[in-house]
Amino acid sequence: MKRRRWWQYSLLLAAFLGAGCAQLPGGWVTLIDGERGLANFARSGDANWRAEGGAIVADRGSGMGGYLLTREPYADFELRAEFFAVASTNSGIFLRLSDPSNITPMHGYEVNIYDDRPGPEYGTGAIVGFARVPVPTQHKAGGRWNVLEIRAEGSQIRVRLNGVQTVQLRDGRFSAGPIALQFGNGFDDRPGGPIRWRRLEIRRL
């Protein structure tokens, strides 16, 4: 009987972890773990998000591409993301979206991933329209796996790429809202490079 109960408990735990969020020590919640996690997001746009090769991937979409939006809003939080991009990848993480139906840098903070962006001051590691990176920039993500860390607490937002701080912002325009992961095409309708999210963890502050 004990062995049967242990086996039933193991199956339930595996089903829970495979279906959605996993609670970690210290209040961290895993939203993406390899190919698991698409169910934790709502989709906007027509990007071809899918589980593939140990990650959540998109590499095609028309127009502005598309987004994965968290099903819950977040105000103060820490976030860690592992991702793979190429130089032409146009991606990023939008924070505290005030209007989830209108995902732009005018409706939330966009932490950018875009090495080849025209206007490199708002390229990889910048917060578009709010916090610039130095030009020429040393913050490049293309061609490797990277770790992006974001801390948003009150009006303070800090961004780190592979352990190096890229920008720090003090601004109170947006206070809470969903988070969105982006796949975008390039400027002038050029195809965007692929984005792969291997892990995404978040905890509320």
N, C-alpha and C. Protein backbone atom coordinates (compact mmCIF):
# COMPACT_ATOMS: atom_id res chain seq x y z
N MET A 1 0.82 -1.20 0.00
CA MET A 1 0.00 0.00 0.00
C MET A 1 0.86 1.26 0.00
N LYS A 2 1.90 1.28 0.84
CA LYS A 2 2.78 2.45 0.89
C LYS A 2 3.47 2.66 -0.44
N ARG A 3 3.90 1.55 -1.06
CA ARG A 3 4.58 1.68 -2.35
C ARG A 3 3.62 2.26 -3.38
N ARG A 4 2.35 1.83 -3.37
CA ARG A 4 1.37 2.34 -4.32
C ARG A 4 1.14 3.83 -4.10
N ARG A 5 1.01 4.27 -2.84
CA ARG A 5 0.81 5.69 -2.56
C ARG A 5 2.01 6.52 -3.02
N TRP A 6 3.20 6.00 -2.78
CA TRP A 6 4.40 6.73 -3.22
C TRP A 6 4.41 6.86 -4.73
N TRP A 7 4.02 5.82 -5.45
CA TRP A 7 3.99 5.85 -6.91
C TRP A 7 2.93 6.83 -7.41
N GLN A 8 1.76 6.85 -6.76
CA GLN A 8 0.73 7.80 -7.16
C GLN A 8 1.19 9.23 -6.92
N TYR A 9 1.84 9.47 -5.80
CA TYR A 9 2.36 10.82 -5.51
C TYR A 9 3.39 11.24 -6.55
N SER A 10 4.25 10.33 -6.95
CA SER A 10 5.28 10.65 -7.95
C SER A 10 4.65 11.02 -9.28
N LEU A 11 3.59 10.28 -9.67
CA LEU A 11 2.92 10.57 -10.93
C LEU A 11 2.26 11.94 -10.88
N LEU A 12 1.61 12.27 -9.77
CA LEU A 12 0.98 13.58 -9.63
C LEU A 12 2.00 14.70 -9.68
N LEU A 13 3.14 14.52 -9.01
CA LEU A 13 4.18 15.54 -9.01
C LEU A 13 4.74 15.73 -10.41
N ALA A 14 4.98 14.64 -11.10
CA ALA A 14 5.52 14.75 -12.46
C ALA A 14 4.52 15.45 -13.38
N ALA A 15 3.23 15.15 -13.21
CA ALA A 15 2.22 15.80 -14.04
C ALA A 15 2.17 17.29 -13.76
N PHE A 16 2.29 17.67 -12.50
CA PHE A 16 2.26 19.09 -12.14
C PHE A 16 3.44 19.84 -12.73
N LEU A 17 4.62 19.26 -12.61
CA LEU A 17 5.81 19.93 -13.13
C LEU A 17 5.79 19.99 -14.64
N GLY A 18 5.25 18.96 -15.28
CA GLY A 18 5.23 18.95 -16.74
C GLY A 18 4.17 19.88 -17.30
N ALA A 19 3.12 20.16 -16.53
CA ALA A 19 2.02 20.93 -17.07
C ALA A 19 2.20 22.43 -16.94
N GLY A 20 2.95 22.89 -15.97
CA GLY A 20 3.01 24.33 -15.78
C GLY A 20 4.15 24.77 -14.90
N CYS A 21 3.83 25.69 -13.99
CA CYS A 21 4.84 26.33 -13.16
C CYS A 21 5.39 25.35 -12.14
N ALA A 22 6.67 25.53 -11.80
CA ALA A 22 7.29 24.77 -10.73
C ALA A 22 7.79 25.75 -9.68
N GLN A 23 7.40 25.53 -8.43
CA GLN A 23 7.83 26.39 -7.33
C GLN A 23 9.20 25.96 -6.86
N LEU A 24 10.12 26.90 -6.76
CA LEU A 24 11.49 26.63 -6.33
C LEU A 24 11.75 27.28 -4.99
N PRO A 25 12.83 26.89 -4.29
CA PRO A 25 13.17 27.55 -3.03
C PRO A 25 13.39 29.04 -3.22
N GLY A 26 13.08 29.81 -2.18
CA GLY A 26 13.31 31.25 -2.23
C GLY A 26 12.23 32.02 -2.95
N GLY A 27 11.10 31.37 -3.25
CA GLY A 27 10.01 32.04 -3.91
C GLY A 27 10.11 32.09 -5.43
N TRP A 28 11.14 31.49 -6.00
CA TRP A 28 11.28 31.48 -7.45
C TRP A 28 10.28 30.53 -8.08
N VAL A 29 9.71 30.94 -9.20
CA VAL A 29 8.78 30.13 -9.96
C VAL A 29 9.35 29.97 -11.37
N THR A 30 9.37 28.73 -11.86
CA THR A 30 9.87 28.45 -13.20
C THR A 30 8.72 28.49 -14.20
N LEU A 31 8.80 29.41 -15.16
CA LEU A 31 7.79 29.52 -16.20
C LEU A 31 8.18 28.77 -17.47
N ILE A 32 9.49 28.69 -17.75
CA ILE A 32 9.99 27.90 -18.87
C ILE A 32 11.12 27.03 -18.36
N ASP A 33 11.06 25.76 -18.68
CA ASP A 33 12.12 24.81 -18.33
C ASP A 33 12.33 23.89 -19.51
N GLY A 34 13.30 24.21 -20.34
CA GLY A 34 13.51 23.44 -21.56
C GLY A 34 12.32 23.59 -22.49
N GLU A 35 11.71 22.47 -22.86
CA GLU A 35 10.57 22.50 -23.76
C GLU A 35 9.24 22.64 -23.02
N ARG A 36 9.27 22.75 -21.70
CA ARG A 36 8.05 22.88 -20.91
C ARG A 36 7.78 24.35 -20.60
N GLY A 37 6.50 24.73 -20.65
CA GLY A 37 6.14 26.06 -20.20
C GLY A 37 5.23 26.86 -21.11
N LEU A 38 4.98 26.40 -22.32
CA LEU A 38 4.11 27.18 -23.21
C LEU A 38 2.73 27.41 -22.61
N ALA A 39 2.25 26.48 -21.79
CA ALA A 39 0.92 26.63 -21.20
C ALA A 39 0.86 27.77 -20.19
N ASN A 40 2.02 28.27 -19.77
CA ASN A 40 2.03 29.37 -18.80
C ASN A 40 1.83 30.73 -19.45
N PHE A 41 1.67 30.76 -20.78
CA PHE A 41 1.59 32.02 -21.50
C PHE A 41 0.38 32.05 -22.42
N ALA A 42 -0.12 33.27 -22.65
CA ALA A 42 -1.07 33.53 -23.72
C ALA A 42 -0.30 34.07 -24.92
N ARG A 43 -0.83 33.83 -26.11
CA ARG A 43 -0.15 34.27 -27.32
C ARG A 43 -0.80 35.53 -27.88
N SER A 44 0.05 36.38 -28.45
CA SER A 44 -0.42 37.55 -29.19
C SER A 44 0.38 37.61 -30.48
N GLY A 45 -0.29 37.84 -31.62
CA GLY A 45 0.39 37.82 -32.90
C GLY A 45 0.50 36.40 -33.44
N ASP A 46 1.25 36.27 -34.55
CA ASP A 46 1.27 34.97 -35.23
C ASP A 46 2.65 34.34 -35.27
N ALA A 47 3.54 34.69 -34.36
CA ALA A 47 4.84 34.01 -34.31
C ALA A 47 4.64 32.53 -34.07
N ASN A 48 5.51 31.72 -34.65
CA ASN A 48 5.35 30.26 -34.61
C ASN A 48 6.02 29.65 -33.38
N TRP A 49 5.57 30.08 -32.19
CA TRP A 49 6.12 29.55 -30.94
C TRP A 49 5.88 28.05 -30.86
N ARG A 50 6.94 27.33 -30.43
CA ARG A 50 6.83 25.88 -30.31
C ARG A 50 7.92 25.37 -29.37
N ALA A 51 7.75 24.15 -28.90
CA ALA A 51 8.77 23.47 -28.11
C ALA A 51 9.65 22.68 -29.06
N GLU A 52 10.97 22.94 -29.00
CA GLU A 52 11.87 22.30 -29.96
C GLU A 52 13.30 22.38 -29.46
N GLY A 53 14.01 21.26 -29.52
CA GLY A 53 15.44 21.26 -29.23
C GLY A 53 15.80 21.71 -27.83
N GLY A 54 14.94 21.41 -26.86
CA GLY A 54 15.23 21.76 -25.48
C GLY A 54 14.93 23.19 -25.11
N ALA A 55 14.07 23.88 -25.89
CA ALA A 55 13.75 25.28 -25.61
C ALA A 55 12.38 25.62 -26.20
N ILE A 56 11.90 26.81 -25.87
CA ILE A 56 10.73 27.39 -26.50
C ILE A 56 11.25 28.32 -27.60
N VAL A 57 10.80 28.11 -28.83
CA VAL A 57 11.45 28.71 -30.00
C VAL A 57 10.42 29.43 -30.86
N ALA A 58 10.87 30.55 -31.48
CA ALA A 58 10.13 31.18 -32.58
C ALA A 58 11.14 31.68 -33.60
N ASP A 59 10.80 31.52 -34.88
CA ASP A 59 11.71 32.01 -35.93
C ASP A 59 10.94 32.53 -37.15
N ARG A 60 9.62 32.67 -37.02
CA ARG A 60 8.86 33.16 -38.15
C ARG A 60 7.57 33.80 -37.67
N GLY A 61 7.18 34.89 -38.33
CA GLY A 61 5.92 35.56 -38.05
C GLY A 61 5.78 36.73 -38.99
N SER A 62 4.56 37.11 -39.30
CA SER A 62 4.35 38.22 -40.22
C SER A 62 4.24 39.53 -39.44
N GLY A 63 4.40 40.63 -40.14
CA GLY A 63 4.24 41.93 -39.52
C GLY A 63 5.21 42.12 -38.37
N MET A 64 4.65 42.42 -37.21
CA MET A 64 5.46 42.66 -36.01
C MET A 64 5.86 41.38 -35.30
N GLY A 65 5.43 40.23 -35.82
CA GLY A 65 5.79 38.97 -35.18
C GLY A 65 4.79 38.58 -34.12
N GLY A 66 5.25 38.29 -32.93
CA GLY A 66 4.32 37.88 -31.89
C GLY A 66 4.97 37.80 -30.52
N TYR A 67 4.15 37.49 -29.53
CA TYR A 67 4.57 37.54 -28.13
C TYR A 67 3.97 36.38 -27.35
N LEU A 68 4.66 36.04 -26.26
CA LEU A 68 4.13 35.18 -25.22
C LEU A 68 3.94 36.03 -23.98
N LEU A 69 2.71 36.11 -23.47
CA LEU A 69 2.39 36.96 -22.32
C LEU A 69 2.11 36.10 -21.10
N THR A 70 2.67 36.49 -19.96
CA THR A 70 2.36 35.80 -18.72
C THR A 70 0.88 35.95 -18.41
N ARG A 71 0.33 34.95 -17.76
CA ARG A 71 -1.10 34.97 -17.43
C ARG A 71 -1.38 35.77 -16.17
N GLU A 72 -0.34 36.18 -15.48
CA GLU A 72 -0.50 37.01 -14.28
C GLU A 72 0.27 38.31 -14.46
N PRO A 73 -0.20 39.40 -13.81
CA PRO A 73 0.57 40.65 -13.82
C PRO A 73 1.67 40.60 -12.76
N TYR A 74 2.70 41.38 -12.97
CA TYR A 74 3.80 41.48 -12.02
C TYR A 74 4.13 42.96 -11.80
N ALA A 75 4.41 43.31 -10.56
CA ALA A 75 4.79 44.68 -10.21
C ALA A 75 6.28 44.70 -9.85
N ASP A 76 6.62 44.29 -8.62
CA ASP A 76 8.02 44.23 -8.20
C ASP A 76 8.47 42.77 -8.26
N PHE A 77 9.60 42.54 -8.93
CA PHE A 77 10.02 41.16 -9.16
C PHE A 77 11.48 41.10 -9.58
N GLU A 78 12.03 39.90 -9.50
CA GLU A 78 13.30 39.56 -10.12
C GLU A 78 13.02 38.49 -11.17
N LEU A 79 13.75 38.57 -12.28
CA LEU A 79 13.56 37.63 -13.38
C LEU A 79 14.91 37.19 -13.90
N ARG A 80 15.02 35.88 -14.21
CA ARG A 80 16.22 35.33 -14.84
C ARG A 80 15.80 34.56 -16.08
N ALA A 81 16.46 34.83 -17.20
CA ALA A 81 16.12 34.17 -18.45
C ALA A 81 17.38 33.69 -19.14
N GLU A 82 17.34 32.45 -19.63
CA GLU A 82 18.41 31.92 -20.47
C GLU A 82 17.89 31.88 -21.90
N PHE A 83 18.64 32.47 -22.82
CA PHE A 83 18.16 32.56 -24.19
C PHE A 83 19.32 32.45 -25.17
N PHE A 84 18.97 32.06 -26.40
CA PHE A 84 19.93 32.01 -27.51
C PHE A 84 19.39 32.89 -28.62
N ALA A 85 20.28 33.73 -29.17
CA ALA A 85 19.91 34.63 -30.26
C ALA A 85 21.04 34.65 -31.27
N VAL A 86 20.75 35.19 -32.46
CA VAL A 86 21.79 35.53 -33.43
C VAL A 86 21.78 37.05 -33.57
N ALA A 87 22.74 37.59 -34.33
CA ALA A 87 22.86 39.04 -34.40
C ALA A 87 21.60 39.70 -34.96
N SER A 88 20.88 39.02 -35.86
CA SER A 88 19.69 39.60 -36.47
C SER A 88 18.41 39.34 -35.68
N THR A 89 18.51 38.64 -34.56
CA THR A 89 17.34 38.40 -33.73
C THR A 89 16.80 39.71 -33.18
N ASN A 90 15.52 39.93 -33.34
CA ASN A 90 14.83 41.09 -32.76
C ASN A 90 13.87 40.55 -31.72
N SER A 91 14.30 40.60 -30.46
CA SER A 91 13.52 40.04 -29.38
C SER A 91 13.66 40.94 -28.16
N GLY A 92 13.14 40.47 -27.06
CA GLY A 92 13.25 41.22 -25.82
C GLY A 92 12.19 40.77 -24.84
N ILE A 93 12.19 41.43 -23.70
CA ILE A 93 11.23 41.15 -22.63
C ILE A 93 10.55 42.46 -22.27
N PHE A 94 9.22 42.49 -22.41
CA PHE A 94 8.44 43.67 -22.02
C PHE A 94 7.96 43.49 -20.58
N LEU A 95 8.09 44.56 -19.80
CA LEU A 95 7.73 44.54 -18.38
C LEU A 95 6.56 45.47 -18.11
N ARG A 96 5.74 45.10 -17.14
CA ARG A 96 4.70 45.96 -16.60
C ARG A 96 3.83 46.57 -17.71
N LEU A 97 3.35 45.73 -18.60
CA LEU A 97 2.55 46.22 -19.72
C LEU A 97 1.23 46.82 -19.23
N SER A 98 0.98 48.06 -19.59
CA SER A 98 -0.25 48.72 -19.16
C SER A 98 -1.43 48.33 -20.04
N ASP A 99 -1.15 47.90 -21.29
CA ASP A 99 -2.21 47.49 -22.21
C ASP A 99 -1.72 46.25 -22.96
N PRO A 100 -2.04 45.05 -22.47
CA PRO A 100 -1.54 43.82 -23.10
C PRO A 100 -1.99 43.63 -24.54
N SER A 101 -3.00 44.36 -24.97
CA SER A 101 -3.44 44.27 -26.36
C SER A 101 -2.65 45.20 -27.27
N ASN A 102 -1.75 46.00 -26.70
CA ASN A 102 -0.98 46.96 -27.48
C ASN A 102 0.45 46.96 -26.93
N ILE A 103 1.24 45.99 -27.37
CA ILE A 103 2.57 45.76 -26.79
C ILE A 103 3.59 46.59 -27.54
N THR A 104 3.95 47.73 -26.94
CA THR A 104 4.94 48.64 -27.52
C THR A 104 5.75 49.25 -26.38
N PRO A 105 6.90 49.88 -26.70
CA PRO A 105 7.66 50.58 -25.65
C PRO A 105 6.93 51.79 -25.08
N MET A 106 5.78 52.14 -25.63
CA MET A 106 4.97 53.23 -25.06
C MET A 106 3.95 52.72 -24.06
N HIS A 107 3.88 51.39 -23.90
CA HIS A 107 2.92 50.80 -22.97
C HIS A 107 3.59 49.88 -21.96
N GLY A 108 4.89 49.96 -21.83
CA GLY A 108 5.65 49.15 -20.89
C GLY A 108 7.13 49.32 -21.16
N TYR A 109 7.95 48.71 -20.32
CA TYR A 109 9.41 48.80 -20.47
C TYR A 109 9.90 47.60 -21.30
N GLU A 110 10.59 47.89 -22.40
CA GLU A 110 11.11 46.83 -23.27
C GLU A 110 12.61 46.68 -23.04
N VAL A 111 13.00 45.58 -22.41
CA VAL A 111 14.42 45.23 -22.28
C VAL A 111 14.80 44.52 -23.57
N ASN A 112 15.65 45.14 -24.37
CA ASN A 112 15.84 44.71 -25.74
C ASN A 112 16.90 43.63 -25.90
N ILE A 113 16.68 42.79 -26.92
CA ILE A 113 17.67 41.82 -27.42
C ILE A 113 17.71 42.02 -28.93
N TYR A 114 18.70 42.76 -29.42
CA TYR A 114 18.75 43.06 -30.85
C TYR A 114 20.13 43.65 -31.16
N ASP A 115 21.10 42.79 -31.44
CA ASP A 115 22.47 43.24 -31.69
C ASP A 115 22.56 44.16 -32.90
N ASP A 116 21.82 43.86 -33.97
CA ASP A 116 21.92 44.60 -35.23
C ASP A 116 20.92 45.74 -35.34
N ARG A 117 20.39 46.17 -34.22
CA ARG A 117 19.35 47.20 -34.27
C ARG A 117 19.88 48.50 -34.87
N PRO A 118 19.19 49.08 -35.87
CA PRO A 118 19.50 50.45 -36.26
C PRO A 118 19.21 51.38 -35.07
N GLY A 119 20.14 52.22 -34.73
CA GLY A 119 20.03 52.94 -33.47
C GLY A 119 20.53 52.07 -32.35
N PRO A 120 21.84 51.75 -32.35
CA PRO A 120 22.38 50.77 -31.40
C PRO A 120 22.32 51.20 -29.94
N GLU A 121 22.04 52.47 -29.68
CA GLU A 121 21.93 52.91 -28.29
C GLU A 121 20.76 52.22 -27.57
N TYR A 122 19.81 51.70 -28.32
CA TYR A 122 18.71 50.94 -27.74
C TYR A 122 18.77 49.48 -28.19
N GLY A 123 19.97 48.98 -28.42
CA GLY A 123 20.17 47.58 -28.79
C GLY A 123 20.15 46.67 -27.58
N THR A 124 20.83 45.56 -27.68
CA THR A 124 20.81 44.54 -26.63
C THR A 124 21.21 45.12 -25.27
N GLY A 125 20.38 44.87 -24.26
CA GLY A 125 20.65 45.33 -22.90
C GLY A 125 20.05 46.66 -22.55
N ALA A 126 19.54 47.40 -23.54
CA ALA A 126 18.92 48.69 -23.29
C ALA A 126 17.45 48.53 -22.92
N ILE A 127 16.85 49.60 -22.39
CA ILE A 127 15.40 49.69 -22.20
C ILE A 127 14.92 50.72 -23.20
N VAL A 128 14.23 50.27 -24.23
CA VAL A 128 13.94 51.09 -25.40
C VAL A 128 13.16 52.35 -25.00
N GLY A 129 13.71 53.50 -25.40
CA GLY A 129 13.07 54.78 -25.11
C GLY A 129 13.34 55.32 -23.73
N PHE A 130 14.03 54.54 -22.88
CA PHE A 130 14.24 54.96 -21.50
C PHE A 130 15.70 54.95 -21.05
N ALA A 131 16.41 53.89 -21.35
CA ALA A 131 17.78 53.74 -20.85
C ALA A 131 18.67 53.20 -21.96
N ARG A 132 19.67 53.99 -22.36
CA ARG A 132 20.55 53.63 -23.47
C ARG A 132 21.78 52.89 -22.99
N VAL A 133 22.32 52.07 -23.89
CA VAL A 133 23.63 51.48 -23.65
C VAL A 133 24.68 52.33 -24.37
N PRO A 134 25.93 52.34 -23.91
CA PRO A 134 26.97 53.11 -24.59
C PRO A 134 27.20 52.60 -26.00
N VAL A 135 27.56 53.52 -26.89
CA VAL A 135 27.87 53.18 -28.28
C VAL A 135 29.31 53.62 -28.58
N PRO A 136 30.16 52.76 -29.17
CA PRO A 136 29.85 51.38 -29.56
C PRO A 136 29.67 50.50 -28.33
N THR A 137 28.72 49.58 -28.42
CA THR A 137 28.35 48.78 -27.26
C THR A 137 29.16 47.49 -27.19
N GLN A 138 29.42 47.06 -25.98
CA GLN A 138 30.07 45.77 -25.74
C GLN A 138 29.06 44.68 -25.41
N HIS A 139 27.79 45.05 -25.37
CA HIS A 139 26.75 44.11 -24.94
C HIS A 139 26.17 43.41 -26.17
N LYS A 140 26.69 42.25 -26.47
CA LYS A 140 26.25 41.46 -27.61
C LYS A 140 25.76 40.10 -27.14
N ALA A 141 24.70 39.61 -27.78
CA ALA A 141 24.11 38.32 -27.40
C ALA A 141 24.20 37.28 -28.50
N GLY A 142 24.44 37.69 -29.74
CA GLY A 142 24.32 36.80 -30.88
C GLY A 142 25.32 35.66 -30.89
N GLY A 143 24.81 34.46 -31.22
CA GLY A 143 25.67 33.31 -31.43
C GLY A 143 25.98 32.49 -30.20
N ARG A 144 25.28 32.71 -29.08
CA ARG A 144 25.59 31.96 -27.86
C ARG A 144 24.37 31.96 -26.93
N TRP A 145 24.46 31.11 -25.92
CA TRP A 145 23.49 31.16 -24.83
C TRP A 145 23.87 32.28 -23.88
N ASN A 146 22.86 33.00 -23.40
CA ASN A 146 23.05 34.15 -22.52
C ASN A 146 22.14 34.05 -21.31
N VAL A 147 22.49 34.80 -20.28
CA VAL A 147 21.64 34.93 -19.09
C VAL A 147 21.29 36.41 -18.93
N LEU A 148 20.00 36.70 -18.95
CA LEU A 148 19.49 38.05 -18.75
C LEU A 148 18.81 38.10 -17.39
N GLU A 149 19.20 39.09 -16.58
CA GLU A 149 18.62 39.26 -15.25
C GLU A 149 18.01 40.65 -15.16
N ILE A 150 16.78 40.70 -14.66
CA ILE A 150 16.07 41.97 -14.52
C ILE A 150 15.54 42.06 -13.09
N ARG A 151 15.76 43.20 -12.47
CA ARG A 151 15.18 43.47 -11.16
C ARG A 151 14.36 44.75 -11.26
N ALA A 152 13.07 44.64 -10.97
CA ALA A 152 12.18 45.79 -10.99
C ALA A 152 11.58 45.95 -9.60
N GLU A 153 11.89 47.05 -8.97
CA GLU A 153 11.41 47.30 -7.60
C GLU A 153 11.04 48.77 -7.49
N GLY A 154 9.74 49.04 -7.36
CA GLY A 154 9.29 50.42 -7.36
C GLY A 154 9.65 51.08 -8.68
N SER A 155 10.27 52.24 -8.59
CA SER A 155 10.66 52.97 -9.80
C SER A 155 12.03 52.56 -10.32
N GLN A 156 12.70 51.62 -9.66
CA GLN A 156 14.05 51.21 -10.04
C GLN A 156 14.01 49.93 -10.87
N ILE A 157 14.69 49.96 -12.03
CA ILE A 157 14.83 48.78 -12.87
C ILE A 157 16.30 48.62 -13.22
N ARG A 158 16.82 47.42 -12.99
CA ARG A 158 18.22 47.14 -13.30
C ARG A 158 18.29 45.92 -14.22
N VAL A 159 19.17 46.01 -15.22
CA VAL A 159 19.32 44.94 -16.20
C VAL A 159 20.77 44.47 -16.21
N ARG A 160 20.96 43.15 -16.19
CA ARG A 160 22.29 42.56 -16.28
C ARG A 160 22.28 41.50 -17.38
N LEU A 161 23.33 41.50 -18.21
CA LEU A 161 23.51 40.51 -19.26
C LEU A 161 24.79 39.76 -19.00
N ASN A 162 24.67 38.46 -18.78
CA ASN A 162 25.83 37.61 -18.48
C ASN A 162 26.67 38.17 -17.34
N GLY A 163 25.97 38.65 -16.30
CA GLY A 163 26.63 39.11 -15.10
C GLY A 163 27.09 40.55 -15.12
N VAL A 164 26.92 41.26 -16.24
CA VAL A 164 27.39 42.64 -16.36
C VAL A 164 26.18 43.57 -16.46
N GLN A 165 26.15 44.60 -15.62
CA GLN A 165 25.03 45.53 -15.68
C GLN A 165 25.09 46.33 -16.98
N THR A 166 23.96 46.37 -17.68
CA THR A 166 23.88 47.13 -18.93
C THR A 166 23.26 48.50 -18.71
N VAL A 167 22.15 48.56 -17.97
CA VAL A 167 21.50 49.84 -17.68
C VAL A 167 20.84 49.78 -16.31
N GLN A 168 20.59 50.97 -15.78
CA GLN A 168 19.79 51.12 -14.56
C GLN A 168 18.87 52.30 -14.78
N LEU A 169 17.61 52.12 -14.47
CA LEU A 169 16.59 53.13 -14.76
C LEU A 169 15.82 53.47 -13.50
N ARG A 170 15.51 54.77 -13.36
CA ARG A 170 14.58 55.21 -12.33
C ARG A 170 13.42 55.90 -13.04
N ASP A 171 12.26 55.26 -13.03
CA ASP A 171 11.10 55.79 -13.73
C ASP A 171 9.85 55.13 -13.17
N GLY A 172 8.81 55.92 -12.94
CA GLY A 172 7.60 55.38 -12.33
C GLY A 172 6.41 55.36 -13.25
N ARG A 173 6.64 55.40 -14.56
CA ARG A 173 5.53 55.51 -15.50
C ARG A 173 4.64 54.26 -15.50
N PHE A 174 5.26 53.08 -15.43
CA PHE A 174 4.50 51.82 -15.45
C PHE A 174 4.76 51.08 -14.14
N SER A 175 3.69 50.69 -13.46
CA SER A 175 3.86 50.12 -12.12
C SER A 175 3.59 48.62 -12.06
N ALA A 176 2.77 48.10 -12.96
CA ALA A 176 2.43 46.66 -12.90
C ALA A 176 1.79 46.26 -14.22
N GLY A 177 1.90 44.96 -14.52
CA GLY A 177 1.27 44.42 -15.71
C GLY A 177 1.92 43.11 -16.11
N PRO A 178 1.39 42.46 -17.13
CA PRO A 178 1.99 41.21 -17.60
C PRO A 178 3.38 41.44 -18.16
N ILE A 179 4.11 40.34 -18.31
CA ILE A 179 5.42 40.31 -18.95
C ILE A 179 5.25 39.61 -20.29
N ALA A 180 5.96 40.09 -21.32
CA ALA A 180 5.84 39.49 -22.65
C ALA A 180 7.22 39.18 -23.22
N LEU A 181 7.35 37.99 -23.80
CA LEU A 181 8.55 37.59 -24.54
C LEU A 181 8.28 37.83 -26.02
N GLN A 182 9.24 38.41 -26.71
CA GLN A 182 9.01 38.86 -28.08
C GLN A 182 9.75 38.01 -29.11
N PHE A 183 9.08 37.76 -30.23
CA PHE A 183 9.75 37.46 -31.49
C PHE A 183 9.35 38.55 -32.47
N GLY A 184 10.33 39.26 -33.04
CA GLY A 184 10.03 40.32 -33.98
C GLY A 184 10.82 40.17 -35.26
N ASN A 185 10.26 40.73 -36.34
CA ASN A 185 11.00 40.81 -37.58
C ASN A 185 11.91 42.05 -37.55
N GLY A 186 12.82 42.12 -38.50
CA GLY A 186 13.74 43.23 -38.56
C GLY A 186 13.09 44.47 -39.14
N PHE A 187 13.83 45.57 -39.11
CA PHE A 187 13.36 46.79 -39.73
C PHE A 187 13.25 46.59 -41.24
N ASP A 188 12.43 47.38 -41.90
CA ASP A 188 12.23 47.31 -43.35
C ASP A 188 11.76 45.92 -43.78
N ASP A 189 10.96 45.27 -42.91
CA ASP A 189 10.36 43.97 -43.23
C ASP A 189 11.37 42.86 -43.46
N ARG A 190 12.57 43.02 -42.96
CA ARG A 190 13.54 41.92 -43.06
C ARG A 190 13.16 40.82 -42.07
N PRO A 191 13.37 39.54 -42.42
CA PRO A 191 13.06 38.46 -41.48
C PRO A 191 13.90 38.58 -40.21
N GLY A 192 13.29 38.29 -39.10
CA GLY A 192 14.03 38.30 -37.84
C GLY A 192 14.72 36.98 -37.59
N GLY A 193 15.86 37.02 -36.91
CA GLY A 193 16.53 35.79 -36.53
C GLY A 193 15.78 35.06 -35.43
N PRO A 194 16.11 33.80 -35.20
CA PRO A 194 15.38 33.00 -34.21
C PRO A 194 15.69 33.45 -32.78
N ILE A 195 14.74 33.19 -31.90
CA ILE A 195 14.94 33.37 -30.46
C ILE A 195 14.58 32.06 -29.78
N ARG A 196 15.43 31.64 -28.84
CA ARG A 196 15.21 30.41 -28.09
C ARG A 196 15.28 30.73 -26.61
N TRP A 197 14.23 30.42 -25.88
CA TRP A 197 14.18 30.60 -24.43
C TRP A 197 14.32 29.23 -23.79
N ARG A 198 15.42 29.01 -23.07
CA ARG A 198 15.68 27.71 -22.45
C ARG A 198 15.20 27.65 -21.01
N ARG A 199 15.19 28.78 -20.34
CA ARG A 199 14.74 28.81 -18.95
C ARG A 199 14.28 30.21 -18.61
N LEU A 200 13.18 30.29 -17.86
CA LEU A 200 12.67 31.59 -17.38
C LEU A 200 12.15 31.38 -15.97
N GLU A 201 12.75 32.12 -15.03
CA GLU A 201 12.35 32.04 -13.62
C GLU A 201 12.02 33.44 -13.13
N ILE A 202 11.07 33.53 -12.22
CA ILE A 202 10.66 34.82 -11.68
C ILE A 202 10.28 34.66 -10.22
N ARG A 203 10.49 35.71 -9.45
CA ARG A 203 9.98 35.74 -8.08
C ARG A 203 9.53 37.15 -7.75
N ARG A 204 8.44 37.23 -7.02
CA ARG A 204 7.92 38.53 -6.59
C ARG A 204 8.71 39.05 -5.41
N LEU A 205 8.87 40.36 -5.37
CA LEU A 205 9.58 41.01 -4.26
C LEU A 205 8.58 41.60 -3.27
